[in-house]
Amino acid sequence: MLMVKKLHKRTPQEKEKILLDIQVLGVIAGCRKYGLARTLYYEWLQRYNALGLEGLEDRRGKYMDAQVKRLEKENKILKELLAEKEIESKMKDELLKKKFGQQGKREK
């Protein structure tokens, strides 16, 4: 049987309580109790010490929003480039039609 670990979104207040509890229990025992990787504990602790409760806000959505905006901007630029290339192609086609159309008339 495959065990799938369920992702648990914790509030900043829950994270703060966990941080304080781990400081009492010790890092190894506390991380085991809450099922946290020690690296995650230290990351939370660093952000909490630097920014307080605000540092414990979930940042996953903010990163995705920034990534979506970057991709939308890139998409817009690519569409503009494609439109320019299509215009260039149409202009070349028209010039070729004019040039070869006139040659055909002269040869007759």
PDB file of N, CA and C in Angstrom:
ATOM      1  N   MET A   1       0.845  -1.186   0.000  1.00  0.00           N
ATOM      2  CA  MET A   1       0.000   0.000   0.000  1.00  0.00           C
ATOM      3  C   MET A   1       0.887   1.245   0.000  1.00  0.00           C
ATOM      4  N   LEU A   2       0.616   2.152  -0.901  1.00  0.00           N
ATOM      5  CA  LEU A   2       1.389   3.380  -1.037  1.00  0.00           C
ATOM      6  C   LEU A   2       0.822   4.429  -0.092  1.00  0.00           C
ATOM      7  N   MET A   3       1.702   5.029   0.707  1.00  0.00           N
ATOM      8  CA  MET A   3       1.269   6.080   1.628  1.00  0.00           C
ATOM      9  C   MET A   3       1.560   7.435   0.985  1.00  0.00           C
ATOM     10  N   VAL A   4       0.536   8.237   0.868  1.00  0.00           N
ATOM     11  CA  VAL A   4       0.691   9.564   0.289  1.00  0.00           C
ATOM     12  C   VAL A   4       0.604  10.576   1.412  1.00  0.00           C
ATOM     13  N   LYS A   5       1.635  11.434   1.491  1.00  0.00           N
ATOM     14  CA  LYS A   5       1.646  12.455   2.530  1.00  0.00           C
ATOM     15  C   LYS A   5       0.756  13.612   2.094  1.00  0.00           C
ATOM     16  N   LYS A   6      -0.213  13.951   2.904  1.00  0.00           N
ATOM     17  CA  LYS A   6      -1.139  15.032   2.585  1.00  0.00           C
ATOM     18  C   LYS A   6      -0.490  16.366   2.930  1.00  0.00           C
ATOM     19  N   LEU A   7      -0.563  17.297   1.993  1.00  0.00           N
ATOM     20  CA  LEU A   7      -0.023  18.625   2.212  1.00  0.00           C
ATOM     21  C   LEU A   7      -0.936  19.365   3.177  1.00  0.00           C
ATOM     22  N   HIS A   8      -0.349  19.930   4.195  1.00  0.00           N
ATOM     23  CA  HIS A   8      -1.136  20.641   5.194  1.00  0.00           C
ATOM     24  C   HIS A   8      -0.744  22.105   5.184  1.00  0.00           C
ATOM     25  N   LYS A   9      -1.684  22.963   4.839  1.00  0.00           N
ATOM     26  CA  LYS A   9      -1.442  24.405   4.869  1.00  0.00           C
ATOM     27  C   LYS A   9      -1.674  24.882   6.286  1.00  0.00           C
ATOM     28  N   ARG A  10      -0.640  25.417   6.870  1.00  0.00           N
ATOM     29  CA  ARG A  10      -0.753  25.909   8.243  1.00  0.00           C
ATOM     30  C   ARG A  10      -0.841  27.429   8.237  1.00  0.00           C
ATOM     31  N   THR A  11      -1.593  27.952   9.169  1.00  0.00           N
ATOM     32  CA  THR A  11      -1.696  29.407   9.308  1.00  0.00           C
ATOM     33  C   THR A  11      -0.422  29.921   9.978  1.00  0.00           C
ATOM     34  N   PRO A  12      -0.132  31.205   9.838  1.00  0.00           N
ATOM     35  CA  PRO A  12       1.040  31.765  10.521  1.00  0.00           C
ATOM     36  C   PRO A  12       0.982  31.546  12.039  1.00  0.00           C
ATOM     37  N   GLN A  13      -0.234  31.597  12.603  1.00  0.00           N
ATOM     38  CA  GLN A  13      -0.371  31.389  14.042  1.00  0.00           C
ATOM     39  C   GLN A  13      -0.018  29.942  14.427  1.00  0.00           C
ATOM     40  N   GLU A  14      -0.435  28.977  13.600  1.00  0.00           N
ATOM     41  CA  GLU A  14      -0.084  27.575  13.850  1.00  0.00           C
ATOM     42  C   GLU A  14       1.430  27.382  13.758  1.00  0.00           C
ATOM     43  N   LYS A  15       2.033  28.005  12.760  1.00  0.00           N
ATOM     44  CA  LYS A  15       3.485  27.893  12.591  1.00  0.00           C
ATOM     45  C   LYS A  15       4.215  28.490  13.790  1.00  0.00           C
ATOM     46  N   GLU A  16       3.716  29.621  14.287  1.00  0.00           N
ATOM     47  CA  GLU A  16       4.338  30.259  15.449  1.00  0.00           C
ATOM     48  C   GLU A  16       4.257  29.340  16.666  1.00  0.00           C
ATOM     49  N   LYS A  17       3.104  28.726  16.880  1.00  0.00           N
ATOM     50  CA  LYS A  17       2.925  27.810  18.006  1.00  0.00           C
ATOM     51  C   LYS A  17       3.882  26.616  17.885  1.00  0.00           C
ATOM     52  N   ILE A  18       4.022  26.096  16.656  1.00  0.00           N
ATOM     53  CA  ILE A  18       4.930  24.967  16.414  1.00  0.00           C
ATOM     54  C   ILE A  18       6.368  25.383  16.715  1.00  0.00           C
ATOM     55  N   LEU A  19       6.767  26.570  16.253  1.00  0.00           N
ATOM     56  CA  LEU A  19       8.125  27.058  16.502  1.00  0.00           C
ATOM     57  C   LEU A  19       8.409  27.150  18.003  1.00  0.00           C
ATOM     58  N   LEU A  20       7.460  27.712  18.731  1.00  0.00           N
ATOM     59  CA  LEU A  20       7.639  27.864  20.176  1.00  0.00           C
ATOM     60  C   LEU A  20       7.687  26.507  20.873  1.00  0.00           C
ATOM     61  N   ASP A  21       6.842  25.582  20.432  1.00  0.00           N
ATOM     62  CA  ASP A  21       6.816  24.238  21.013  1.00  0.00           C
ATOM     63  C   ASP A  21       8.117  23.487  20.728  1.00  0.00           C
ATOM     64  N   ILE A  22       8.636  23.640  19.510  1.00  0.00           N
ATOM     65  CA  ILE A  22       9.886  22.959  19.149  1.00  0.00           C
ATOM     66  C   ILE A  22      11.047  23.504  19.971  1.00  0.00           C
ATOM     67  N   GLN A  23      11.010  24.783  20.298  1.00  0.00           N
ATOM     68  CA  GLN A  23      12.081  25.344  21.130  1.00  0.00           C
ATOM     69  C   GLN A  23      12.080  24.716  22.519  1.00  0.00           C
ATOM     70  N   VAL A  24      10.904  24.307  23.004  1.00  0.00           N
ATOM     71  CA  VAL A  24      10.803  23.644  24.306  1.00  0.00           C
ATOM     72  C   VAL A  24      11.202  22.170  24.185  1.00  0.00           C
ATOM     73  N   LEU A  25      10.694  21.484  23.162  1.00  0.00           N
ATOM     74  CA  LEU A  25      10.939  20.050  22.988  1.00  0.00           C
ATOM     75  C   LEU A  25      12.343  19.730  22.484  1.00  0.00           C
ATOM     76  N   GLY A  26      12.930  20.636  21.755  1.00  0.00           N
ATOM     77  CA  GLY A  26      14.186  20.366  21.059  1.00  0.00           C
ATOM     78  C   GLY A  26      13.873  20.159  19.582  1.00  0.00           C
ATOM     79  N   VAL A  27      14.835  20.463  18.733  1.00  0.00           N
ATOM     80  CA  VAL A  27      14.597  20.461  17.293  1.00  0.00           C
ATOM     81  C   VAL A  27      14.232  19.076  16.775  1.00  0.00           C
ATOM     82  N   ILE A  28      15.007  18.068  17.116  1.00  0.00           N
ATOM     83  CA  ILE A  28      14.772  16.724  16.567  1.00  0.00           C
ATOM     84  C   ILE A  28      13.422  16.176  17.027  1.00  0.00           C
ATOM     85  N   ALA A  29      13.161  16.225  18.328  1.00  0.00           N
ATOM     86  CA  ALA A  29      11.901  15.691  18.870  1.00  0.00           C
ATOM     87  C   ALA A  29      10.706  16.508  18.361  1.00  0.00           C
ATOM     88  N   GLY A  30      10.839  17.827  18.322  1.00  0.00           N
ATOM     89  CA  GLY A  30       9.748  18.683  17.875  1.00  0.00           C
ATOM     90  C   GLY A  30       9.423  18.488  16.399  1.00  0.00           C
ATOM     91  N   CYS A  31      10.447  18.388  15.587  1.00  0.00           N
ATOM     92  CA  CYS A  31      10.220  18.170  14.147  1.00  0.00           C
ATOM     93  C   CYS A  31       9.572  16.812  13.905  1.00  0.00           C
ATOM     94  N   ARG A  32       9.987  15.814  14.681  1.00  0.00           N
ATOM     95  CA  ARG A  32       9.371  14.491  14.562  1.00  0.00           C
ATOM     96  C   ARG A  32       7.892  14.554  14.956  1.00  0.00           C
ATOM     97  N   LYS A  33       7.616  15.256  16.053  1.00  0.00           N
ATOM     98  CA  LYS A  33       6.233  15.362  16.542  1.00  0.00           C
ATOM     99  C   LYS A  33       5.316  15.993  15.497  1.00  0.00           C
ATOM    100  N   TYR A  34       5.801  17.045  14.820  1.00  0.00           N
ATOM    101  CA  TYR A  34       4.970  17.764  13.858  1.00  0.00           C
ATOM    102  C   TYR A  34       5.166  17.301  12.418  1.00  0.00           C
ATOM    103  N   GLY A  35       6.064  16.358  12.210  1.00  0.00           N
ATOM    104  CA  GLY A  35       6.292  15.848  10.860  1.00  0.00           C
ATOM    105  C   GLY A  35       6.933  16.880   9.942  1.00  0.00           C
ATOM    106  N   LEU A  36       7.823  17.688  10.513  1.00  0.00           N
ATOM    107  CA  LEU A  36       8.513  18.733   9.750  1.00  0.00           C
ATOM    108  C   LEU A  36       9.952  18.323   9.473  1.00  0.00           C
ATOM    109  N   ALA A  37      10.434  18.711   8.322  1.00  0.00           N
ATOM    110  CA  ALA A  37      11.859  18.561   8.044  1.00  0.00           C
ATOM    111  C   ALA A  37      12.592  19.633   8.846  1.00  0.00           C
ATOM    112  N   ARG A  38      13.774  19.308   9.329  1.00  0.00           N
ATOM    113  CA  ARG A  38      14.523  20.298  10.111  1.00  0.00           C
ATOM    114  C   ARG A  38      14.845  21.528   9.266  1.00  0.00           C
ATOM    115  N   THR A  39      15.091  21.318   7.971  1.00  0.00           N
ATOM    116  CA  THR A  39      15.384  22.467   7.105  1.00  0.00           C
ATOM    117  C   THR A  39      14.193  23.425   7.058  1.00  0.00           C
ATOM    118  N   LEU A  40      12.974  22.860   7.027  1.00  0.00           N
ATOM    119  CA  LEU A  40      11.770  23.692   7.016  1.00  0.00           C
ATOM    120  C   LEU A  40      11.638  24.441   8.337  1.00  0.00           C
ATOM    121  N   TYR A  41      11.928  23.757   9.440  1.00  0.00           N
ATOM    122  CA  TYR A  41      11.885  24.416  10.758  1.00  0.00           C
ATOM    123  C   TYR A  41      12.822  25.618  10.785  1.00  0.00           C
ATOM    124  N   TYR A  42      14.054  25.411  10.333  1.00  0.00           N
ATOM    125  CA  TYR A  42      15.029  26.506  10.364  1.00  0.00           C
ATOM    126  C   TYR A  42      14.653  27.630   9.397  1.00  0.00           C
ATOM    127  N   GLU A  43      14.029  27.269   8.277  1.00  0.00           N
ATOM    128  CA  GLU A  43      13.556  28.281   7.337  1.00  0.00           C
ATOM    129  C   GLU A  43      12.470  29.129   7.986  1.00  0.00           C
ATOM    130  N   TRP A  44      11.500  28.466   8.646  1.00  0.00           N
ATOM    131  CA  TRP A  44      10.439  29.182   9.348  1.00  0.00           C
ATOM    132  C   TRP A  44      11.026  30.073  10.437  1.00  0.00           C
ATOM    133  N   LEU A  45      11.966  29.516  11.192  1.00  0.00           N
ATOM    134  CA  LEU A  45      12.566  30.242  12.312  1.00  0.00           C
ATOM    135  C   LEU A  45      13.283  31.494  11.818  1.00  0.00           C
ATOM    136  N   GLN A  46      14.014  31.354  10.734  1.00  0.00           N
ATOM    137  CA  GLN A  46      14.735  32.493  10.162  1.00  0.00           C
ATOM    138  C   GLN A  46      13.757  33.579   9.706  1.00  0.00           C
ATOM    139  N   ARG A  47      12.706  33.177   9.004  1.00  0.00           N
ATOM    140  CA  ARG A  47      11.716  34.153   8.531  1.00  0.00           C
ATOM    141  C   ARG A  47      10.966  34.786   9.712  1.00  0.00           C
ATOM    142  N   TYR A  48      10.670  33.981  10.743  1.00  0.00           N
ATOM    143  CA  TYR A  48       9.960  34.481  11.926  1.00  0.00           C
ATOM    144  C   TYR A  48      10.823  35.488  12.676  1.00  0.00           C
ATOM    145  N   ASN A  49      12.111  35.185  12.817  1.00  0.00           N
ATOM    146  CA  ASN A  49      13.019  36.108  13.510  1.00  0.00           C
ATOM    147  C   ASN A  49      13.206  37.405  12.730  1.00  0.00           C
ATOM    148  N   ALA A  50      13.171  37.321  11.403  1.00  0.00           N
ATOM    149  CA  ALA A  50      13.379  38.508  10.578  1.00  0.00           C
ATOM    150  C   ALA A  50      12.120  39.367  10.451  1.00  0.00           C
ATOM    151  N   LEU A  51      10.958  38.715  10.253  1.00  0.00           N
ATOM    152  CA  LEU A  51       9.734  39.468   9.929  1.00  0.00           C
ATOM    153  C   LEU A  51       8.581  39.249  10.898  1.00  0.00           C
ATOM    154  N   GLY A  52       8.777  38.435  11.901  1.00  0.00           N
ATOM    155  CA  GLY A  52       7.697  38.150  12.841  1.00  0.00           C
ATOM    156  C   GLY A  52       6.641  37.264  12.203  1.00  0.00           C
ATOM    157  N   LEU A  53       5.413  37.415  12.644  1.00  0.00           N
ATOM    158  CA  LEU A  53       4.303  36.585  12.159  1.00  0.00           C
ATOM    159  C   LEU A  53       4.106  36.726  10.645  1.00  0.00           C
ATOM    160  N   GLU A  54       4.375  37.908  10.103  1.00  0.00           N
ATOM    161  CA  GLU A  54       4.224  38.138   8.665  1.00  0.00           C
ATOM    162  C   GLU A  54       5.178  37.261   7.843  1.00  0.00           C
ATOM    163  N   GLY A  55       6.334  36.940   8.405  1.00  0.00           N
ATOM    164  CA  GLY A  55       7.300  36.084   7.725  1.00  0.00           C
ATOM    165  C   GLY A  55       6.818  34.652   7.576  1.00  0.00           C
ATOM    166  N   LEU A  56       5.802  34.280   8.346  1.00  0.00           N
ATOM    167  CA  LEU A  56       5.278  32.911   8.298  1.00  0.00           C
ATOM    168  C   LEU A  56       4.091  32.766   7.352  1.00  0.00           C
ATOM    169  N   GLU A  57       3.730  33.848   6.656  1.00  0.00           N
ATOM    170  CA  GLU A  57       2.644  33.769   5.669  1.00  0.00           C
ATOM    171  C   GLU A  57       3.035  32.782   4.581  1.00  0.00           C
ATOM    172  N   ASP A  58       2.042  32.095   4.028  1.00  0.00           N
ATOM    173  CA  ASP A  58       2.284  31.148   2.942  1.00  0.00           C
ATOM    174  C   ASP A  58       2.659  31.929   1.697  1.00  0.00           C
ATOM    175  N   ARG A  59       3.827  31.621   1.121  1.00  0.00           N
ATOM    176  CA  ARG A  59       4.322  32.376  -0.026  1.00  0.00           C
ATOM    177  C   ARG A  59       4.117  31.649  -1.347  1.00  0.00           C
ATOM    178  N   ARG A  60       3.550  30.461  -1.319  1.00  0.00           N
ATOM    179  CA  ARG A  60       3.399  29.677  -2.550  1.00  0.00           C
ATOM    180  C   ARG A  60       2.554  30.405  -3.587  1.00  0.00           C
ATOM    181  N   GLY A  61       1.453  30.978  -3.177  1.00  0.00           N
ATOM    182  CA  GLY A  61       0.567  31.679  -4.104  1.00  0.00           C
ATOM    183  C   GLY A  61       1.223  32.913  -4.699  1.00  0.00           C
ATOM    184  N   LYS A  62       1.987  33.629  -3.898  1.00  0.00           N
ATOM    185  CA  LYS A  62       2.657  34.839  -4.364  1.00  0.00           C
ATOM    186  C   LYS A  62       3.668  34.499  -5.450  1.00  0.00           C
ATOM    187  N   TYR A  63       4.389  33.410  -5.271  1.00  0.00           N
ATOM    188  CA  TYR A  63       5.371  32.989  -6.269  1.00  0.00           C
ATOM    189  C   TYR A  63       4.664  32.630  -7.569  1.00  0.00           C
ATOM    190  N   MET A  64       3.562  31.915  -7.457  1.00  0.00           N
ATOM    191  CA  MET A  64       2.826  31.500  -8.653  1.00  0.00           C
ATOM    192  C   MET A  64       2.251  32.715  -9.376  1.00  0.00           C
ATOM    193  N   ASP A  65       1.747  33.696  -8.632  1.00  0.00           N
ATOM    194  CA  ASP A  65       1.217  34.916  -9.244  1.00  0.00           C
ATOM    195  C   ASP A  65       2.302  35.633 -10.036  1.00  0.00           C
ATOM    196  N   ALA A  66       3.482  35.737  -9.456  1.00  0.00           N
ATOM    197  CA  ALA A  66       4.594  36.399 -10.134  1.00  0.00           C
ATOM    198  C   ALA A  66       4.992  35.630 -11.389  1.00  0.00           C
ATOM    199  N   GLN A  67       4.988  34.306 -11.282  1.00  0.00           N
ATOM    200  CA  GLN A  67       5.357  33.475 -12.423  1.00  0.00           C
ATOM    201  C   GLN A  67       4.315  33.609 -13.545  1.00  0.00           C
ATOM    202  N   VAL A  68       3.043  33.635 -13.184  1.00  0.00           N
ATOM    203  CA  VAL A  68       1.980  33.782 -14.180  1.00  0.00           C
ATOM    204  C   VAL A  68       2.111  35.139 -14.881  1.00  0.00           C
ATOM    205  N   LYS A  69       2.355  36.194 -14.126  1.00  0.00           N
ATOM    206  CA  LYS A  69       2.507  37.526 -14.723  1.00  0.00           C
ATOM    207  C   LYS A  69       3.703  37.554 -15.677  1.00  0.00           C
ATOM    208  N   ARG A  70       4.811  36.916 -15.289  1.00  0.00           N
ATOM    209  CA  ARG A  70       5.988  36.873 -16.144  1.00  0.00           C
ATOM    210  C   ARG A  70       5.680  36.131 -17.442  1.00  0.00           C
ATOM    211  N   LEU A  71       4.973  35.014 -17.323  1.00  0.00           N
ATOM    212  CA  LEU A  71       4.620  34.229 -18.508  1.00  0.00           C
ATOM    213  C   LEU A  71       3.637  34.982 -19.405  1.00  0.00           C
ATOM    214  N   GLU A  72       2.692  35.713 -18.802  1.00  0.00           N
ATOM    215  CA  GLU A  72       1.747  36.504 -19.597  1.00  0.00           C
ATOM    216  C   GLU A  72       2.477  37.594 -20.373  1.00  0.00           C
ATOM    217  N   LYS A  73       3.455  38.229 -19.729  1.00  0.00           N
ATOM    218  CA  LYS A  73       4.238  39.270 -20.386  1.00  0.00           C
ATOM    219  C   LYS A  73       5.037  38.665 -21.545  1.00  0.00           C
ATOM    220  N   GLU A  74       5.664  37.527 -21.289  1.00  0.00           N
ATOM    221  CA  GLU A  74       6.431  36.843 -22.329  1.00  0.00           C
ATOM    222  C   GLU A  74       5.521  36.440 -23.497  1.00  0.00           C
ATOM    223  N   ASN A  75       4.334  35.955 -23.185  1.00  0.00           N
ATOM    224  CA  ASN A  75       3.361  35.549 -24.198  1.00  0.00           C
ATOM    225  C   ASN A  75       2.964  36.743 -25.071  1.00  0.00           C
ATOM    226  N   LYS A  76       2.742  37.891 -24.436  1.00  0.00           N
ATOM    227  CA  LYS A  76       2.369  39.104 -25.173  1.00  0.00           C
ATOM    228  C   LYS A  76       3.477  39.504 -26.146  1.00  0.00           C
ATOM    229  N   ILE A  77       4.714  39.464 -25.670  1.00  0.00           N
ATOM    230  CA  ILE A  77       5.854  39.816 -26.522  1.00  0.00           C
ATOM    231  C   ILE A  77       5.954  38.860 -27.701  1.00  0.00           C
ATOM    232  N   LEU A  78       5.791  37.573 -27.439  1.00  0.00           N
ATOM    233  CA  LEU A  78       5.867  36.576 -28.509  1.00  0.00           C
ATOM    234  C   LEU A  78       4.755  36.766 -29.544  1.00  0.00           C
ATOM    235  N   LYS A  79       3.558  37.108 -29.077  1.00  0.00           N
ATOM    236  CA  LYS A  79       2.445  37.360 -30.003  1.00  0.00           C
ATOM    237  C   LYS A  79       2.746  38.569 -30.885  1.00  0.00           C
ATOM    238  N   GLU A  80       3.330  39.612 -30.293  1.00  0.00           N
ATOM    239  CA  GLU A  80       3.688  40.803 -31.062  1.00  0.00           C
ATOM    240  C   GLU A  80       4.746  40.463 -32.112  1.00  0.00           C
ATOM    241  N   LEU A  81       5.742  39.666 -31.727  1.00  0.00           N
ATOM    242  CA  LEU A  81       6.773  39.253 -32.685  1.00  0.00           C
ATOM    243  C   LEU A  81       6.176  38.440 -33.826  1.00  0.00           C
ATOM    244  N   LEU A  82       5.265  37.538 -33.477  1.00  0.00           N
ATOM    245  CA  LEU A  82       4.612  36.721 -34.496  1.00  0.00           C
ATOM    246  C   LEU A  82       3.805  37.592 -35.456  1.00  0.00           C
ATOM    247  N   ALA A  83       3.096  38.568 -34.916  1.00  0.00           N
ATOM    248  CA  ALA A  83       2.306  39.463 -35.757  1.00  0.00           C
ATOM    249  C   ALA A  83       3.218  40.246 -36.708  1.00  0.00           C
ATOM    250  N   GLU A  84       4.360  40.714 -36.206  1.00  0.00           N
ATOM    251  CA  GLU A  84       5.312  41.436 -37.052  1.00  0.00           C
ATOM    252  C   GLU A  84       5.815  40.546 -38.182  1.00  0.00           C
ATOM    253  N   LYS A  85       6.138  39.293 -37.867  1.00  0.00           N
ATOM    254  CA  LYS A  85       6.630  38.352 -38.883  1.00  0.00           C
ATOM    255  C   LYS A  85       5.553  38.068 -39.931  1.00  0.00           C
ATOM    256  N   GLU A  86       4.310  37.961 -39.502  1.00  0.00           N
ATOM    257  CA  GLU A  86       3.215  37.721 -40.445  1.00  0.00           C
ATOM    258  C   GLU A  86       3.050  38.913 -41.388  1.00  0.00           C
ATOM    259  N   ILE A  87       3.164  40.122 -40.861  1.00  0.00           N
ATOM    260  CA  ILE A  87       3.066  41.331 -41.690  1.00  0.00           C
ATOM    261  C   ILE A  87       4.212  41.362 -42.698  1.00  0.00           C
ATOM    262  N   GLU A  88       5.430  41.066 -42.224  1.00  0.00           N
ATOM    263  CA  GLU A  88       6.592  41.035 -43.121  1.00  0.00           C
ATOM    264  C   GLU A  88       6.373  40.019 -44.236  1.00  0.00           C
ATOM    265  N   SER A  89       5.869  38.854 -43.881  1.00  0.00           N
ATOM    266  CA  SER A  89       5.636  37.794 -44.857  1.00  0.00           C
ATOM    267  C   SER A  89       4.603  38.223 -45.900  1.00  0.00           C
ATOM    268  N   LYS A  90       3.518  38.840 -45.459  1.00  0.00           N
ATOM    269  CA  LYS A  90       2.486  39.315 -46.389  1.00  0.00           C
ATOM    270  C   LYS A  90       3.037  40.384 -47.315  1.00  0.00           C
ATOM    271  N   MET A  91       3.858  41.288 -46.782  1.00  0.00           N
ATOM    272  CA  MET A  91       4.443  42.352 -47.601  1.00  0.00           C
ATOM    273  C   MET A  91       5.370  41.750 -48.658  1.00  0.00           C
ATOM    274  N   LYS A  92       6.160  40.765 -48.272  1.00  0.00           N
ATOM    275  CA  LYS A  92       7.053  40.099 -49.231  1.00  0.00           C
ATOM    276  C   LYS A  92       6.246  39.402 -50.320  1.00  0.00           C
ATOM    277  N   ASP A  93       5.177  38.720 -49.914  1.00  0.00           N
ATOM    278  CA  ASP A  93       4.311  38.046 -50.894  1.00  0.00           C
ATOM    279  C   ASP A  93       3.735  39.051 -51.889  1.00  0.00           C
ATOM    280  N   GLU A  94       3.274  40.192 -51.401  1.00  0.00           N
ATOM    281  CA  GLU A  94       2.700  41.214 -52.278  1.00  0.00           C
ATOM    282  C   GLU A  94       3.748  41.773 -53.227  1.00  0.00           C
ATOM    283  N   LEU A  95       4.956  42.024 -52.721  1.00  0.00           N
ATOM    284  CA  LEU A  95       6.021  42.528 -53.573  1.00  0.00           C
ATOM    285  C   LEU A  95       6.387  41.516 -54.651  1.00  0.00           C
ATOM    286  N   LEU A  96       6.452  40.247 -54.268  1.00  0.00           N
ATOM    287  CA  LEU A  96       6.774  39.205 -55.247  1.00  0.00           C
ATOM    288  C   LEU A  96       5.682  39.100 -56.315  1.00  0.00           C
ATOM    289  N   LYS A  97       4.429  39.198 -55.884  1.00  0.00           N
ATOM    290  CA  LYS A  97       3.317  39.140 -56.852  1.00  0.00           C
ATOM    291  C   LYS A  97       3.422  40.305 -57.833  1.00  0.00           C
ATOM    292  N   LYS A  98       3.710  41.499 -57.330  1.00  0.00           N
ATOM    293  CA  LYS A  98       3.822  42.671 -58.185  1.00  0.00           C
ATOM    294  C   LYS A  98       4.985  42.513 -59.162  1.00  0.00           C
ATOM    295  N   LYS A  99       6.132  42.067 -58.606  1.00  0.00           N
ATOM    296  CA  LYS A  99       7.326  41.949 -59.435  1.00  0.00           C
ATOM    297  C   LYS A  99       7.131  40.904 -60.533  1.00  0.00           C
ATOM    298  N   PHE A 100       6.690  39.722 -60.167  1.00  0.00           N
ATOM    299  CA  PHE A 100       6.530  38.651 -61.142  1.00  0.00           C
ATOM    300  C   PHE A 100       5.281  38.861 -62.002  1.00  0.00           C
ATOM    301  N   GLY A 101       4.319  39.539 -61.487  1.00  0.00           N
ATOM    302  CA  GLY A 101       3.134  39.876 -62.278  1.00  0.00           C
ATOM    303  C   GLY A 101       3.480  40.832 -63.394  1.00  0.00           C
ATOM    304  N   GLN A 102       4.327  41.809 -63.117  1.00  0.00           N
ATOM    305  CA  GLN A 102       4.748  42.772 -64.141  1.00  0.00           C
ATOM    306  C   GLN A 102       5.649  42.112 -65.175  1.00  0.00           C
ATOM    307  N   GLN A 103       6.510  41.182 -64.740  1.00  0.00           N
ATOM    308  CA  GLN A 103       7.385  40.493 -65.688  1.00  0.00           C
ATOM    309  C   GLN A 103       6.571  39.663 -66.671  1.00  0.00           C
ATOM    310  N   GLY A 104       5.541  39.017 -66.159  1.00  0.00           N
ATOM    311  CA  GLY A 104       4.680  38.194 -67.017  1.00  0.00           C
ATOM    312  C   GLY A 104       3.991  39.041 -68.070  1.00  0.00           C
ATOM    313  N   LYS A 105       3.575  40.243 -67.724  1.00  0.00           N
ATOM    314  CA  LYS A 105       2.894  41.145 -68.676  1.00  0.00           C
ATOM    315  C   LYS A 105       3.864  41.629 -69.749  1.00  0.00           C
ATOM    316  N   ARG A 106       5.116  41.885 -69.382  1.00  0.00           N
ATOM    317  CA  ARG A 106       6.111  42.381 -70.340  1.00  0.00           C
ATOM    318  C   ARG A 106       6.474  41.314 -71.371  1.00  0.00           C
ATOM    319  N   GLU A 107       6.533  40.050 -70.903  1.00  0.00           N
ATOM    320  CA  GLU A 107       6.939  38.959 -71.780  1.00  0.00           C
ATOM    321  C   GLU A 107       5.890  38.643 -72.824  1.00  0.00           C
ATOM    322  N   LYS A 108       4.648  38.987 -72.611  1.00  0.00           N
ATOM    323  CA  LYS A 108       3.558  38.660 -73.558  1.00  0.00           C
ATOM    324  C   LYS A 108       3.570  39.483 -74.737  1.00  0.00           C
TER     325      LYS A 108
END
